[in-house]
Amino acid sequence: MLMVTRDFTELKELEEQHRNVSEADTQACAQLEERFRKQLESQKRECAQIETLLQAAEDRERTFAAERDEAGRTRTRPSPDPTARVGGATEPARRPGPRPALGSLMAS
């Protein structure tokens, strides 16, 4: 009978230890879950910020491309006829360019 009582006591002690371990495991799991939940929320906020920055960059890129395309169209438009009369003048319009040296004008 003494042996059965001792075995029963040991069994109760083991159950108590197991219960304590289980409670500790449960608490540890709850703490991990809370930490992971907070990390997930933080990462979601960071992802939203990154998506906002990416959208802004895409908008700037589209604006730049549109401005570049418009500038390209402006450069490729045909120039007005340089011999056309400007404001009723009888001489052809002068093209902007380097001026002749003063000495070459006097020699003529």
PDB file of N, CA and C in Angstrom:
ATOM      1  N   MET A   1       0.815  -1.181   0.000  1.00  0.00           N
ATOM      2  CA  MET A   1       0.000   0.000   0.000  1.00  0.00           C
ATOM      3  C   MET A   1       0.865   1.255   0.000  1.00  0.00           C
ATOM      4  N   LEU A   2       1.949   1.225   0.733  1.00  0.00           N
ATOM      5  CA  LEU A   2       2.866   2.361   0.790  1.00  0.00           C
ATOM      6  C   LEU A   2       3.418   2.669  -0.596  1.00  0.00           C
ATOM      7  N   MET A   3       3.702   1.638  -1.346  1.00  0.00           N
ATOM      8  CA  MET A   3       4.247   1.817  -2.681  1.00  0.00           C
ATOM      9  C   MET A   3       3.212   2.457  -3.608  1.00  0.00           C
ATOM     10  N   VAL A   4       1.970   2.075  -3.505  1.00  0.00           N
ATOM     11  CA  VAL A   4       0.901   2.642  -4.324  1.00  0.00           C
ATOM     12  C   VAL A   4       0.720   4.116  -3.975  1.00  0.00           C
ATOM     13  N   THR A   5       0.774   4.425  -2.680  1.00  0.00           N
ATOM     14  CA  THR A   5       0.625   5.807  -2.236  1.00  0.00           C
ATOM     15  C   THR A   5       1.779   6.651  -2.776  1.00  0.00           C
ATOM     16  N   ARG A   6       2.986   6.114  -2.702  1.00  0.00           N
ATOM     17  CA  ARG A   6       4.146   6.844  -3.209  1.00  0.00           C
ATOM     18  C   ARG A   6       4.024   7.054  -4.722  1.00  0.00           C
ATOM     19  N   ASP A   7       3.605   6.051  -5.461  1.00  0.00           N
ATOM     20  CA  ASP A   7       3.411   6.180  -6.902  1.00  0.00           C
ATOM     21  C   ASP A   7       2.318   7.205  -7.216  1.00  0.00           C
ATOM     22  N   PHE A   8       1.261   7.175  -6.423  1.00  0.00           N
ATOM     23  CA  PHE A   8       0.172   8.122  -6.615  1.00  0.00           C
ATOM     24  C   PHE A   8       0.662   9.554  -6.358  1.00  0.00           C
ATOM     25  N   THR A   9       1.457   9.739  -5.310  1.00  0.00           N
ATOM     26  CA  THR A   9       2.010  11.052  -4.975  1.00  0.00           C
ATOM     27  C   THR A   9       2.923  11.531  -6.102  1.00  0.00           C
ATOM     28  N   GLU A  10       3.759  10.661  -6.606  1.00  0.00           N
ATOM     29  CA  GLU A  10       4.640  11.021  -7.716  1.00  0.00           C
ATOM     30  C   GLU A  10       3.826  11.394  -8.956  1.00  0.00           C
ATOM     31  N   LEU A  11       2.763  10.638  -9.185  1.00  0.00           N
ATOM     32  CA  LEU A  11       1.895  10.928 -10.317  1.00  0.00           C
ATOM     33  C   LEU A  11       1.268  12.313 -10.176  1.00  0.00           C
ATOM     34  N   LYS A  12       0.806  12.648  -8.988  1.00  0.00           N
ATOM     35  CA  LYS A  12       0.219  13.966  -8.731  1.00  0.00           C
ATOM     36  C   LYS A  12       1.269  15.069  -8.943  1.00  0.00           C
ATOM     37  N   GLU A  13       2.488  14.829  -8.485  1.00  0.00           N
ATOM     38  CA  GLU A  13       3.561  15.812  -8.664  1.00  0.00           C
ATOM     39  C   GLU A  13       3.863  16.017 -10.155  1.00  0.00           C
ATOM     40  N   LEU A  14       3.904  14.912 -10.891  1.00  0.00           N
ATOM     41  CA  LEU A  14       4.149  15.011 -12.331  1.00  0.00           C
ATOM     42  C   LEU A  14       3.015  15.763 -13.036  1.00  0.00           C
ATOM     43  N   GLU A  15       1.778  15.491 -12.629  1.00  0.00           N
ATOM     44  CA  GLU A  15       0.641  16.214 -13.203  1.00  0.00           C
ATOM     45  C   GLU A  15       0.751  17.713 -12.917  1.00  0.00           C
ATOM     46  N   GLU A  16       1.136  18.043 -11.695  1.00  0.00           N
ATOM     47  CA  GLU A  16       1.294  19.451 -11.314  1.00  0.00           C
ATOM     48  C   GLU A  16       2.406  20.109 -12.143  1.00  0.00           C
ATOM     49  N   GLN A  17       3.509  19.405 -12.306  1.00  0.00           N
ATOM     50  CA  GLN A  17       4.605  19.943 -13.120  1.00  0.00           C
ATOM     51  C   GLN A  17       4.152  20.139 -14.576  1.00  0.00           C
ATOM     52  N   HIS A  18       3.415  19.160 -15.062  1.00  0.00           N
ATOM     53  CA  HIS A  18       2.915  19.244 -16.432  1.00  0.00           C
ATOM     54  C   HIS A  18       1.955  20.426 -16.582  1.00  0.00           C
ATOM     55  N   ARG A  19       1.094  20.598 -15.597  1.00  0.00           N
ATOM     56  CA  ARG A  19       0.149  21.708 -15.619  1.00  0.00           C
ATOM     57  C   ARG A  19       0.909  23.036 -15.591  1.00  0.00           C
ATOM     58  N   ASN A  20       1.939  23.127 -14.766  1.00  0.00           N
ATOM     59  CA  ASN A  20       2.734  24.351 -14.692  1.00  0.00           C
ATOM     60  C   ASN A  20       3.431  24.629 -16.027  1.00  0.00           C
ATOM     61  N   VAL A  21       3.966  23.566 -16.628  1.00  0.00           N
ATOM     62  CA  VAL A  21       4.617  23.726 -17.924  1.00  0.00           C
ATOM     63  C   VAL A  21       3.587  24.149 -18.961  1.00  0.00           C
ATOM     64  N   SER A  22       2.434  23.543 -18.920  1.00  0.00           N
ATOM     65  CA  SER A  22       1.390  23.880 -19.881  1.00  0.00           C
ATOM     66  C   SER A  22       0.957  25.330 -19.725  1.00  0.00           C
ATOM     67  N   GLU A  23       0.797  25.790 -18.484  1.00  0.00           N
ATOM     68  CA  GLU A  23       0.421  27.185 -18.252  1.00  0.00           C
ATOM     69  C   GLU A  23       1.522  28.123 -18.740  1.00  0.00           C
ATOM     70  N   ALA A  24       2.771  27.742 -18.477  1.00  0.00           N
ATOM     71  CA  ALA A  24       3.896  28.558 -18.935  1.00  0.00           C
ATOM     72  C   ALA A  24       3.944  28.582 -20.467  1.00  0.00           C
ATOM     73  N   ASP A  25       3.718  27.415 -21.079  1.00  0.00           N
ATOM     74  CA  ASP A  25       3.692  27.354 -22.543  1.00  0.00           C
ATOM     75  C   ASP A  25       2.557  28.200 -23.104  1.00  0.00           C
ATOM     76  N   THR A  26       1.410  28.124 -22.470  1.00  0.00           N
ATOM     77  CA  THR A  26       0.259  28.907 -22.913  1.00  0.00           C
ATOM     78  C   THR A  26       0.560  30.396 -22.829  1.00  0.00           C
ATOM     79  N   GLN A  27       1.171  30.814 -21.726  1.00  0.00           N
ATOM     80  CA  GLN A  27       1.526  32.227 -21.575  1.00  0.00           C
ATOM     81  C   GLN A  27       2.569  32.639 -22.613  1.00  0.00           C
ATOM     82  N   ALA A  28       3.555  31.790 -22.818  1.00  0.00           N
ATOM     83  CA  ALA A  28       4.597  32.094 -23.803  1.00  0.00           C
ATOM     84  C   ALA A  28       3.998  32.196 -25.204  1.00  0.00           C
ATOM     85  N   CYS A  29       3.099  31.289 -25.526  1.00  0.00           N
ATOM     86  CA  CYS A  29       2.442  31.332 -26.837  1.00  0.00           C
ATOM     87  C   CYS A  29       1.617  32.605 -26.987  1.00  0.00           C
ATOM     88  N   ALA A  30       0.907  32.974 -25.939  1.00  0.00           N
ATOM     89  CA  ALA A  30       0.101  34.194 -25.985  1.00  0.00           C
ATOM     90  C   ALA A  30       0.991  35.422 -26.189  1.00  0.00           C
ATOM     91  N   GLN A  31       2.131  35.430 -25.512  1.00  0.00           N
ATOM     92  CA  GLN A  31       3.059  36.555 -25.673  1.00  0.00           C
ATOM     93  C   GLN A  31       3.626  36.600 -27.099  1.00  0.00           C
ATOM     94  N   LEU A  32       3.969  35.432 -27.623  1.00  0.00           N
ATOM     95  CA  LEU A  32       4.474  35.378 -29.001  1.00  0.00           C
ATOM     96  C   LEU A  32       3.414  35.832 -30.002  1.00  0.00           C
ATOM     97  N   GLU A  33       2.184  35.373 -29.798  1.00  0.00           N
ATOM     98  CA  GLU A  33       1.099  35.779 -30.688  1.00  0.00           C
ATOM     99  C   GLU A  33       0.917  37.292 -30.662  1.00  0.00           C
ATOM    100  N   GLU A  34       0.958  37.874 -29.477  1.00  0.00           N
ATOM    101  CA  GLU A  34       0.804  39.326 -29.343  1.00  0.00           C
ATOM    102  C   GLU A  34       1.956  40.054 -30.041  1.00  0.00           C
ATOM    103  N   ARG A  35       3.165  39.565 -29.844  1.00  0.00           N
ATOM    104  CA  ARG A  35       4.327  40.187 -30.486  1.00  0.00           C
ATOM    105  C   ARG A  35       4.228  40.088 -32.006  1.00  0.00           C
ATOM    106  N   PHE A  36       3.843  38.912 -32.507  1.00  0.00           N
ATOM    107  CA  PHE A  36       3.700  38.735 -33.950  1.00  0.00           C
ATOM    108  C   PHE A  36       2.570  39.600 -34.506  1.00  0.00           C
ATOM    109  N   ARG A  37       1.489  39.731 -33.754  1.00  0.00           N
ATOM    110  CA  ARG A  37       0.371  40.578 -34.190  1.00  0.00           C
ATOM    111  C   ARG A  37       0.831  42.029 -34.328  1.00  0.00           C
ATOM    112  N   LYS A  38       1.591  42.506 -33.339  1.00  0.00           N
ATOM    113  CA  LYS A  38       2.098  43.883 -33.384  1.00  0.00           C
ATOM    114  C   LYS A  38       3.066  44.066 -34.555  1.00  0.00           C
ATOM    115  N   GLN A  39       3.927  43.069 -34.782  1.00  0.00           N
ATOM    116  CA  GLN A  39       4.859  43.148 -35.911  1.00  0.00           C
ATOM    117  C   GLN A  39       4.105  43.176 -37.238  1.00  0.00           C
ATOM    118  N   LEU A  40       3.066  42.357 -37.337  1.00  0.00           N
ATOM    119  CA  LEU A  40       2.269  42.310 -38.557  1.00  0.00           C
ATOM    120  C   LEU A  40       1.603  43.657 -38.816  1.00  0.00           C
ATOM    121  N   GLU A  41       1.027  44.257 -37.772  1.00  0.00           N
ATOM    122  CA  GLU A  41       0.398  45.571 -37.920  1.00  0.00           C
ATOM    123  C   GLU A  41       1.427  46.609 -38.355  1.00  0.00           C
ATOM    124  N   SER A  42       2.600  46.561 -37.758  1.00  0.00           N
ATOM    125  CA  SER A  42       3.669  47.498 -38.109  1.00  0.00           C
ATOM    126  C   SER A  42       4.087  47.309 -39.570  1.00  0.00           C
ATOM    127  N   GLN A  43       4.231  46.064 -39.987  1.00  0.00           N
ATOM    128  CA  GLN A  43       4.630  45.784 -41.365  1.00  0.00           C
ATOM    129  C   GLN A  43       3.544  46.210 -42.351  1.00  0.00           C
ATOM    130  N   LYS A  44       2.281  46.055 -41.974  1.00  0.00           N
ATOM    131  CA  LYS A  44       1.190  46.504 -42.843  1.00  0.00           C
ATOM    132  C   LYS A  44       1.244  48.017 -43.023  1.00  0.00           C
ATOM    133  N   ARG A  45       1.511  48.746 -41.926  1.00  0.00           N
ATOM    134  CA  ARG A  45       1.630  50.211 -42.022  1.00  0.00           C
ATOM    135  C   ARG A  45       2.803  50.591 -42.921  1.00  0.00           C
ATOM    136  N   GLU A  46       3.934  49.898 -42.743  1.00  0.00           N
ATOM    137  CA  GLU A  46       5.111  50.180 -43.572  1.00  0.00           C
ATOM    138  C   GLU A  46       4.824  49.886 -45.043  1.00  0.00           C
ATOM    139  N   CYS A  47       4.125  48.801 -45.317  1.00  0.00           N
ATOM    140  CA  CYS A  47       3.773  48.464 -46.699  1.00  0.00           C
ATOM    141  C   CYS A  47       2.872  49.540 -47.301  1.00  0.00           C
ATOM    142  N   ALA A  48       1.920  50.027 -46.519  1.00  0.00           N
ATOM    143  CA  ALA A  48       1.032  51.082 -47.005  1.00  0.00           C
ATOM    144  C   ALA A  48       1.830  52.345 -47.324  1.00  0.00           C
ATOM    145  N   GLN A  49       2.800  52.673 -46.487  1.00  0.00           N
ATOM    146  CA  GLN A  49       3.642  53.847 -46.746  1.00  0.00           C
ATOM    147  C   GLN A  49       4.461  53.651 -48.019  1.00  0.00           C
ATOM    148  N   ILE A  50       5.011  52.459 -48.192  1.00  0.00           N
ATOM    149  CA  ILE A  50       5.803  52.169 -49.388  1.00  0.00           C
ATOM    150  C   ILE A  50       4.921  52.245 -50.635  1.00  0.00           C
ATOM    151  N   GLU A  51       3.704  51.701 -50.549  1.00  0.00           N
ATOM    152  CA  GLU A  51       2.791  51.759 -51.688  1.00  0.00           C
ATOM    153  C   GLU A  51       2.456  53.206 -52.036  1.00  0.00           C
ATOM    154  N   THR A  52       2.278  54.053 -51.020  1.00  0.00           N
ATOM    155  CA  THR A  52       2.004  55.470 -51.253  1.00  0.00           C
ATOM    156  C   THR A  52       3.187  56.128 -51.954  1.00  0.00           C
ATOM    157  N   LEU A  53       4.395  55.829 -51.492  1.00  0.00           N
ATOM    158  CA  LEU A  53       5.592  56.391 -52.125  1.00  0.00           C
ATOM    159  C   LEU A  53       5.738  55.902 -53.567  1.00  0.00           C
ATOM    160  N   LEU A  54       5.468  54.630 -53.795  1.00  0.00           N
ATOM    161  CA  LEU A  54       5.549  54.088 -55.154  1.00  0.00           C
ATOM    162  C   LEU A  54       4.530  54.753 -56.072  1.00  0.00           C
ATOM    163  N   GLN A  55       3.320  54.960 -55.574  1.00  0.00           N
ATOM    164  CA  GLN A  55       2.284  55.609 -56.376  1.00  0.00           C
ATOM    165  C   GLN A  55       2.697  57.036 -56.721  1.00  0.00           C
ATOM    166  N   ALA A  56       3.261  57.745 -55.743  1.00  0.00           N
ATOM    167  CA  ALA A  56       3.725  59.114 -55.992  1.00  0.00           C
ATOM    168  C   ALA A  56       4.845  59.117 -57.034  1.00  0.00           C
ATOM    169  N   ALA A  57       5.752  58.148 -56.950  1.00  0.00           N
ATOM    170  CA  ALA A  57       6.844  58.058 -57.925  1.00  0.00           C
ATOM    171  C   ALA A  57       6.295  57.760 -59.323  1.00  0.00           C
ATOM    172  N   GLU A  58       5.311  56.878 -59.409  1.00  0.00           N
ATOM    173  CA  GLU A  58       4.706  56.572 -60.706  1.00  0.00           C
ATOM    174  C   GLU A  58       4.019  57.806 -61.277  1.00  0.00           C
ATOM    175  N   ASP A  59       3.337  58.576 -60.427  1.00  0.00           N
ATOM    176  CA  ASP A  59       2.686  59.805 -60.880  1.00  0.00           C
ATOM    177  C   ASP A  59       3.712  60.799 -61.407  1.00  0.00           C
ATOM    178  N   ARG A  60       4.825  60.955 -60.677  1.00  0.00           N
ATOM    179  CA  ARG A  60       5.886  61.866 -61.131  1.00  0.00           C
ATOM    180  C   ARG A  60       6.476  61.385 -62.453  1.00  0.00           C
ATOM    181  N   GLU A  61       6.653  60.076 -62.585  1.00  0.00           N
ATOM    182  CA  GLU A  61       7.211  59.524 -63.818  1.00  0.00           C
ATOM    183  C   GLU A  61       6.279  59.788 -65.000  1.00  0.00           C
ATOM    184  N   ARG A  62       4.966  59.607 -64.794  1.00  0.00           N
ATOM    185  CA  ARG A  62       4.005  59.885 -65.863  1.00  0.00           C
ATOM    186  C   ARG A  62       4.033  61.365 -66.243  1.00  0.00           C
ATOM    187  N   THR A  63       4.092  62.241 -65.240  1.00  0.00           N
ATOM    188  CA  THR A  63       4.146  63.678 -65.506  1.00  0.00           C
ATOM    189  C   THR A  63       5.407  64.020 -66.291  1.00  0.00           C
ATOM    190  N   PHE A  64       6.538  63.476 -65.865  1.00  0.00           N
ATOM    191  CA  PHE A  64       7.801  63.727 -66.558  1.00  0.00           C
ATOM    192  C   PHE A  64       7.723  63.239 -68.004  1.00  0.00           C
ATOM    193  N   ALA A  65       7.187  62.043 -68.208  1.00  0.00           N
ATOM    194  CA  ALA A  65       7.093  61.487 -69.561  1.00  0.00           C
ATOM    195  C   ALA A  65       6.202  62.367 -70.435  1.00  0.00           C
ATOM    196  N   ALA A  66       5.098  62.850 -69.877  1.00  0.00           N
ATOM    197  CA  ALA A  66       4.205  63.717 -70.643  1.00  0.00           C
ATOM    198  C   ALA A  66       4.906  65.025 -71.002  1.00  0.00           C
ATOM    199  N   GLU A  67       5.638  65.593 -70.044  1.00  0.00           N
ATOM    200  CA  GLU A  67       6.370  66.836 -70.319  1.00  0.00           C
ATOM    201  C   GLU A  67       7.463  66.599 -71.358  1.00  0.00           C
ATOM    202  N   ARG A  68       8.157  65.481 -71.258  1.00  0.00           N
ATOM    203  CA  ARG A  68       9.204  65.144 -72.215  1.00  0.00           C
ATOM    204  C   ARG A  68       8.615  64.972 -73.612  1.00  0.00           C
ATOM    205  N   ASP A  69       7.484  64.269 -73.688  1.00  0.00           N
ATOM    206  CA  ASP A  69       6.845  64.061 -74.980  1.00  0.00           C
ATOM    207  C   ASP A  69       6.397  65.389 -75.582  1.00  0.00           C
ATOM    208  N   GLU A  70       5.840  66.252 -74.757  1.00  0.00           N
ATOM    209  CA  GLU A  70       5.404  67.564 -75.239  1.00  0.00           C
ATOM    210  C   GLU A  70       6.599  68.377 -75.730  1.00  0.00           C
ATOM    211  N   ALA A  71       7.700  68.341 -74.996  1.00  0.00           N
ATOM    212  CA  ALA A  71       8.906  69.057 -75.418  1.00  0.00           C
ATOM    213  C   ALA A  71       9.428  68.482 -76.732  1.00  0.00           C
ATOM    214  N   GLY A  72       9.356  67.189 -76.899  1.00  0.00           N
ATOM    215  CA  GLY A  72       9.791  66.556 -78.143  1.00  0.00           C
ATOM    216  C   GLY A  72       8.917  66.967 -79.305  1.00  0.00           C
ATOM    217  N   ARG A  73       7.609  67.049 -79.083  1.00  0.00           N
ATOM    218  CA  ARG A  73       6.704  67.487 -80.145  1.00  0.00           C
ATOM    219  C   ARG A  73       6.981  68.940 -80.511  1.00  0.00           C
ATOM    220  N   THR A  74       7.282  69.762 -79.518  1.00  0.00           N
ATOM    221  CA  THR A  74       7.571  71.171 -79.776  1.00  0.00           C
ATOM    222  C   THR A  74       8.826  71.304 -80.624  1.00  0.00           C
ATOM    223  N   ARG A  75       9.860  70.521 -80.346  1.00  0.00           N
ATOM    224  CA  ARG A  75      11.109  70.594 -81.105  1.00  0.00           C
ATOM    225  C   ARG A  75      10.953  70.072 -82.526  1.00  0.00           C
ATOM    226  N   THR A  76      10.046  69.155 -82.739  1.00  0.00           N
ATOM    227  CA  THR A  76       9.920  68.554 -84.066  1.00  0.00           C
ATOM    228  C   THR A  76       8.892  69.263 -84.931  1.00  0.00           C
ATOM    229  N   ARG A  77       8.242  70.298 -84.437  1.00  0.00           N
ATOM    230  CA  ARG A  77       7.309  71.065 -85.271  1.00  0.00           C
ATOM    231  C   ARG A  77       8.107  71.793 -86.348  1.00  0.00           C
ATOM    232  N   PRO A  78       7.527  71.947 -87.532  1.00  0.00           N
ATOM    233  CA  PRO A  78       8.258  72.643 -88.591  1.00  0.00           C
ATOM    234  C   PRO A  78       8.493  74.105 -88.214  1.00  0.00           C
ATOM    235  N   SER A  79       9.676  74.592 -88.550  1.00  0.00           N
ATOM    236  CA  SER A  79      10.029  75.985 -88.283  1.00  0.00           C
ATOM    237  C   SER A  79       9.321  76.869 -89.298  1.00  0.00           C
ATOM    238  N   PRO A  80       9.037  78.103 -88.912  1.00  0.00           N
ATOM    239  CA  PRO A  80       8.442  79.011 -89.898  1.00  0.00           C
ATOM    240  C   PRO A  80       9.451  79.290 -91.017  1.00  0.00           C
ATOM    241  N   ASP A  81       8.943  79.625 -92.162  1.00  0.00           N
ATOM    242  CA  ASP A  81       9.782  79.911 -93.331  1.00  0.00           C
ATOM    243  C   ASP A  81      10.667  81.116 -93.037  1.00  0.00           C
ATOM    244  N   PRO A  82      12.006  80.947 -93.087  1.00  0.00           N
ATOM    245  CA  PRO A  82      12.890  82.068 -92.748  1.00  0.00           C
ATOM    246  C   PRO A  82      12.822  83.205 -93.763  1.00  0.00           C
ATOM    247  N   THR A  83      12.289  82.937 -94.955  1.00  0.00           N
ATOM    248  CA  THR A  83      12.189  84.011 -95.951  1.00  0.00           C
ATOM    249  C   THR A  83      10.845  84.708 -95.886  1.00  0.00           C
ATOM    250  N   ALA A  84       9.997  84.288 -94.982  1.00  0.00           N
ATOM    251  CA  ALA A  84       8.672  84.906 -94.871  1.00  0.00           C
ATOM    252  C   ALA A  84       8.814  86.333 -94.381  1.00  0.00           C
ATOM    253  N   ARG A  85       7.913  87.163 -94.820  1.00  0.00           N
ATOM    254  CA  ARG A  85       7.938  88.562 -94.406  1.00  0.00           C
ATOM    255  C   ARG A  85       7.383  88.666 -93.003  1.00  0.00           C
ATOM    256  N   VAL A  86       8.071  89.418 -92.191  1.00  0.00           N
ATOM    257  CA  VAL A  86       7.677  89.581 -90.801  1.00  0.00           C
ATOM    258  C   VAL A  86       7.176  90.996 -90.624  1.00  0.00           C
ATOM    259  N   GLY A  87       5.953  91.141 -90.215  1.00  0.00           N
ATOM    260  CA  GLY A  87       5.404  92.466 -89.924  1.00  0.00           C
ATOM    261  C   GLY A  87       5.444  93.398 -91.113  1.00  0.00           C
ATOM    262  N   GLY A  88       5.286  92.892 -92.309  1.00  0.00           N
ATOM    263  CA  GLY A  88       5.251  93.732 -93.490  1.00  0.00           C
ATOM    264  C   GLY A  88       6.620  94.129 -94.000  1.00  0.00           C
ATOM    265  N   ALA A  89       7.671  93.625 -93.440  1.00  0.00           N
ATOM    266  CA  ALA A  89       9.018  93.975 -93.894  1.00  0.00           C
ATOM    267  C   ALA A  89       9.257  93.396 -95.272  1.00  0.00           C
ATOM    268  N   THR A  90      10.078  94.067 -96.030  1.00  0.00           N
ATOM    269  CA  THR A  90      10.353  93.592 -97.384  1.00  0.00           C
ATOM    270  C   THR A  90      11.555  92.681 -97.443  1.00  0.00           C
ATOM    271  N   GLU A  91      12.352  92.653 -96.392  1.00  0.00           N
ATOM    272  CA  GLU A  91      13.527  91.786 -96.371  1.00  0.00           C
ATOM    273  C   GLU A  91      13.165  90.454 -95.719  1.00  0.00           C
ATOM    274  N   PRO A  92      13.853  89.400 -96.115  1.00  0.00           N
ATOM    275  CA  PRO A  92      13.595  88.121 -95.440  1.00  0.00           C
ATOM    276  C   PRO A  92      13.995  88.212 -93.970  1.00  0.00           C
ATOM    277  N   ALA A  93      13.302  87.451 -93.153  1.00  0.00           N
ATOM    278  CA  ALA A  93      13.618  87.426 -91.717  1.00  0.00           C
ATOM    279  C   ALA A  93      15.008  86.848 -91.535  1.00  0.00           C
ATOM    280  N   ARG A  94      15.754  87.418 -90.608  1.00  0.00           N
ATOM    281  CA  ARG A  94      17.116  86.934 -90.350  1.00  0.00           C
ATOM    282  C   ARG A  94      17.064  85.767 -89.394  1.00  0.00           C
ATOM    283  N   ARG A  95      17.854  84.816 -89.676  1.00  0.00           N
ATOM    284  CA  ARG A  95      17.997  83.699 -88.744  1.00  0.00           C
ATOM    285  C   ARG A  95      18.956  84.122 -87.654  1.00  0.00           C
ATOM    286  N   PRO A  96      18.639  83.776 -86.423  1.00  0.00           N
ATOM    287  CA  PRO A  96      19.603  84.110 -85.380  1.00  0.00           C
ATOM    288  C   PRO A  96      20.861  83.279 -85.579  1.00  0.00           C
ATOM    289  N   GLY A  97      21.983  83.885 -85.311  1.00  0.00           N
ATOM    290  CA  GLY A  97      23.235  83.170 -85.478  1.00  0.00           C
ATOM    291  C   GLY A  97      24.377  84.086 -85.130  1.00  0.00           C
ATOM    292  N   PRO A  98      25.582  83.660 -85.369  1.00  0.00           N
ATOM    293  CA  PRO A  98      26.721  84.510 -85.028  1.00  0.00           C
ATOM    294  C   PRO A  98      26.752  85.734 -85.944  1.00  0.00           C
ATOM    295  N   ARG A  99      27.122  86.843 -85.374  1.00  0.00           N
ATOM    296  CA  ARG A  99      27.229  88.082 -86.148  1.00  0.00           C
ATOM    297  C   ARG A  99      28.570  88.095 -86.873  1.00  0.00           C
ATOM    298  N   PRO A 100      28.601  88.673 -88.051  1.00  0.00           N
ATOM    299  CA  PRO A 100      29.879  88.768 -88.747  1.00  0.00           C
ATOM    300  C   PRO A 100      30.792  89.755 -88.033  1.00  0.00           C
ATOM    301  N   ALA A 101      32.065  89.548 -88.171  1.00  0.00           N
ATOM    302  CA  ALA A 101      33.032  90.438 -87.527  1.00  0.00           C
ATOM    303  C   ALA A 101      32.932  91.825 -88.148  1.00  0.00           C
ATOM    304  N   LEU A 102      33.181  92.850 -87.355  1.00  0.00           N
ATOM    305  CA  LEU A 102      33.055  94.226 -87.810  1.00  0.00           C
ATOM    306  C   LEU A 102      33.998  94.510 -88.982  1.00  0.00           C
ATOM    307  N   GLY A 103      35.187  93.959 -88.955  1.00  0.00           N
ATOM    308  CA  GLY A 103      36.156  94.174 -90.033  1.00  0.00           C
ATOM    309  C   GLY A 103      35.665  93.637 -91.362  1.00  0.00           C
ATOM    310  N   SER A 104      34.972  92.510 -91.363  1.00  0.00           N
ATOM    311  CA  SER A 104      34.482  91.938 -92.615  1.00  0.00           C
ATOM    312  C   SER A 104      33.356  92.779 -93.190  1.00  0.00           C
ATOM    313  N   LEU A 105      32.597  93.471 -92.353  1.00  0.00           N
ATOM    314  CA  LEU A 105      31.537  94.342 -92.851  1.00  0.00           C
ATOM    315  C   LEU A 105      32.135  95.585 -93.508  1.00  0.00           C
ATOM    316  N   MET A 106      33.205  96.110 -92.936  1.00  0.00           N
ATOM    317  CA  MET A 106      33.811  97.323 -93.471  1.00  0.00           C
ATOM    318  C   MET A 106      34.543  97.026 -94.779  1.00  0.00           C
ATOM    319  N   ALA A 107      35.026  95.825 -94.962  1.00  0.00           N
ATOM    320  CA  ALA A 107      35.758  95.468 -96.165  1.00  0.00           C
ATOM    321  C   ALA A 107      34.824  95.363 -97.353  1.00  0.00           C
ATOM    322  N   SER A 108      33.553  95.154 -97.135  1.00  0.00           N
ATOM    323  CA  SER A 108      32.641  94.981 -98.248  1.00  0.00           C
ATOM    324  C   SER A 108      32.284  96.259 -98.928  1.00  0.00           C
TER     325      SER A 108
END
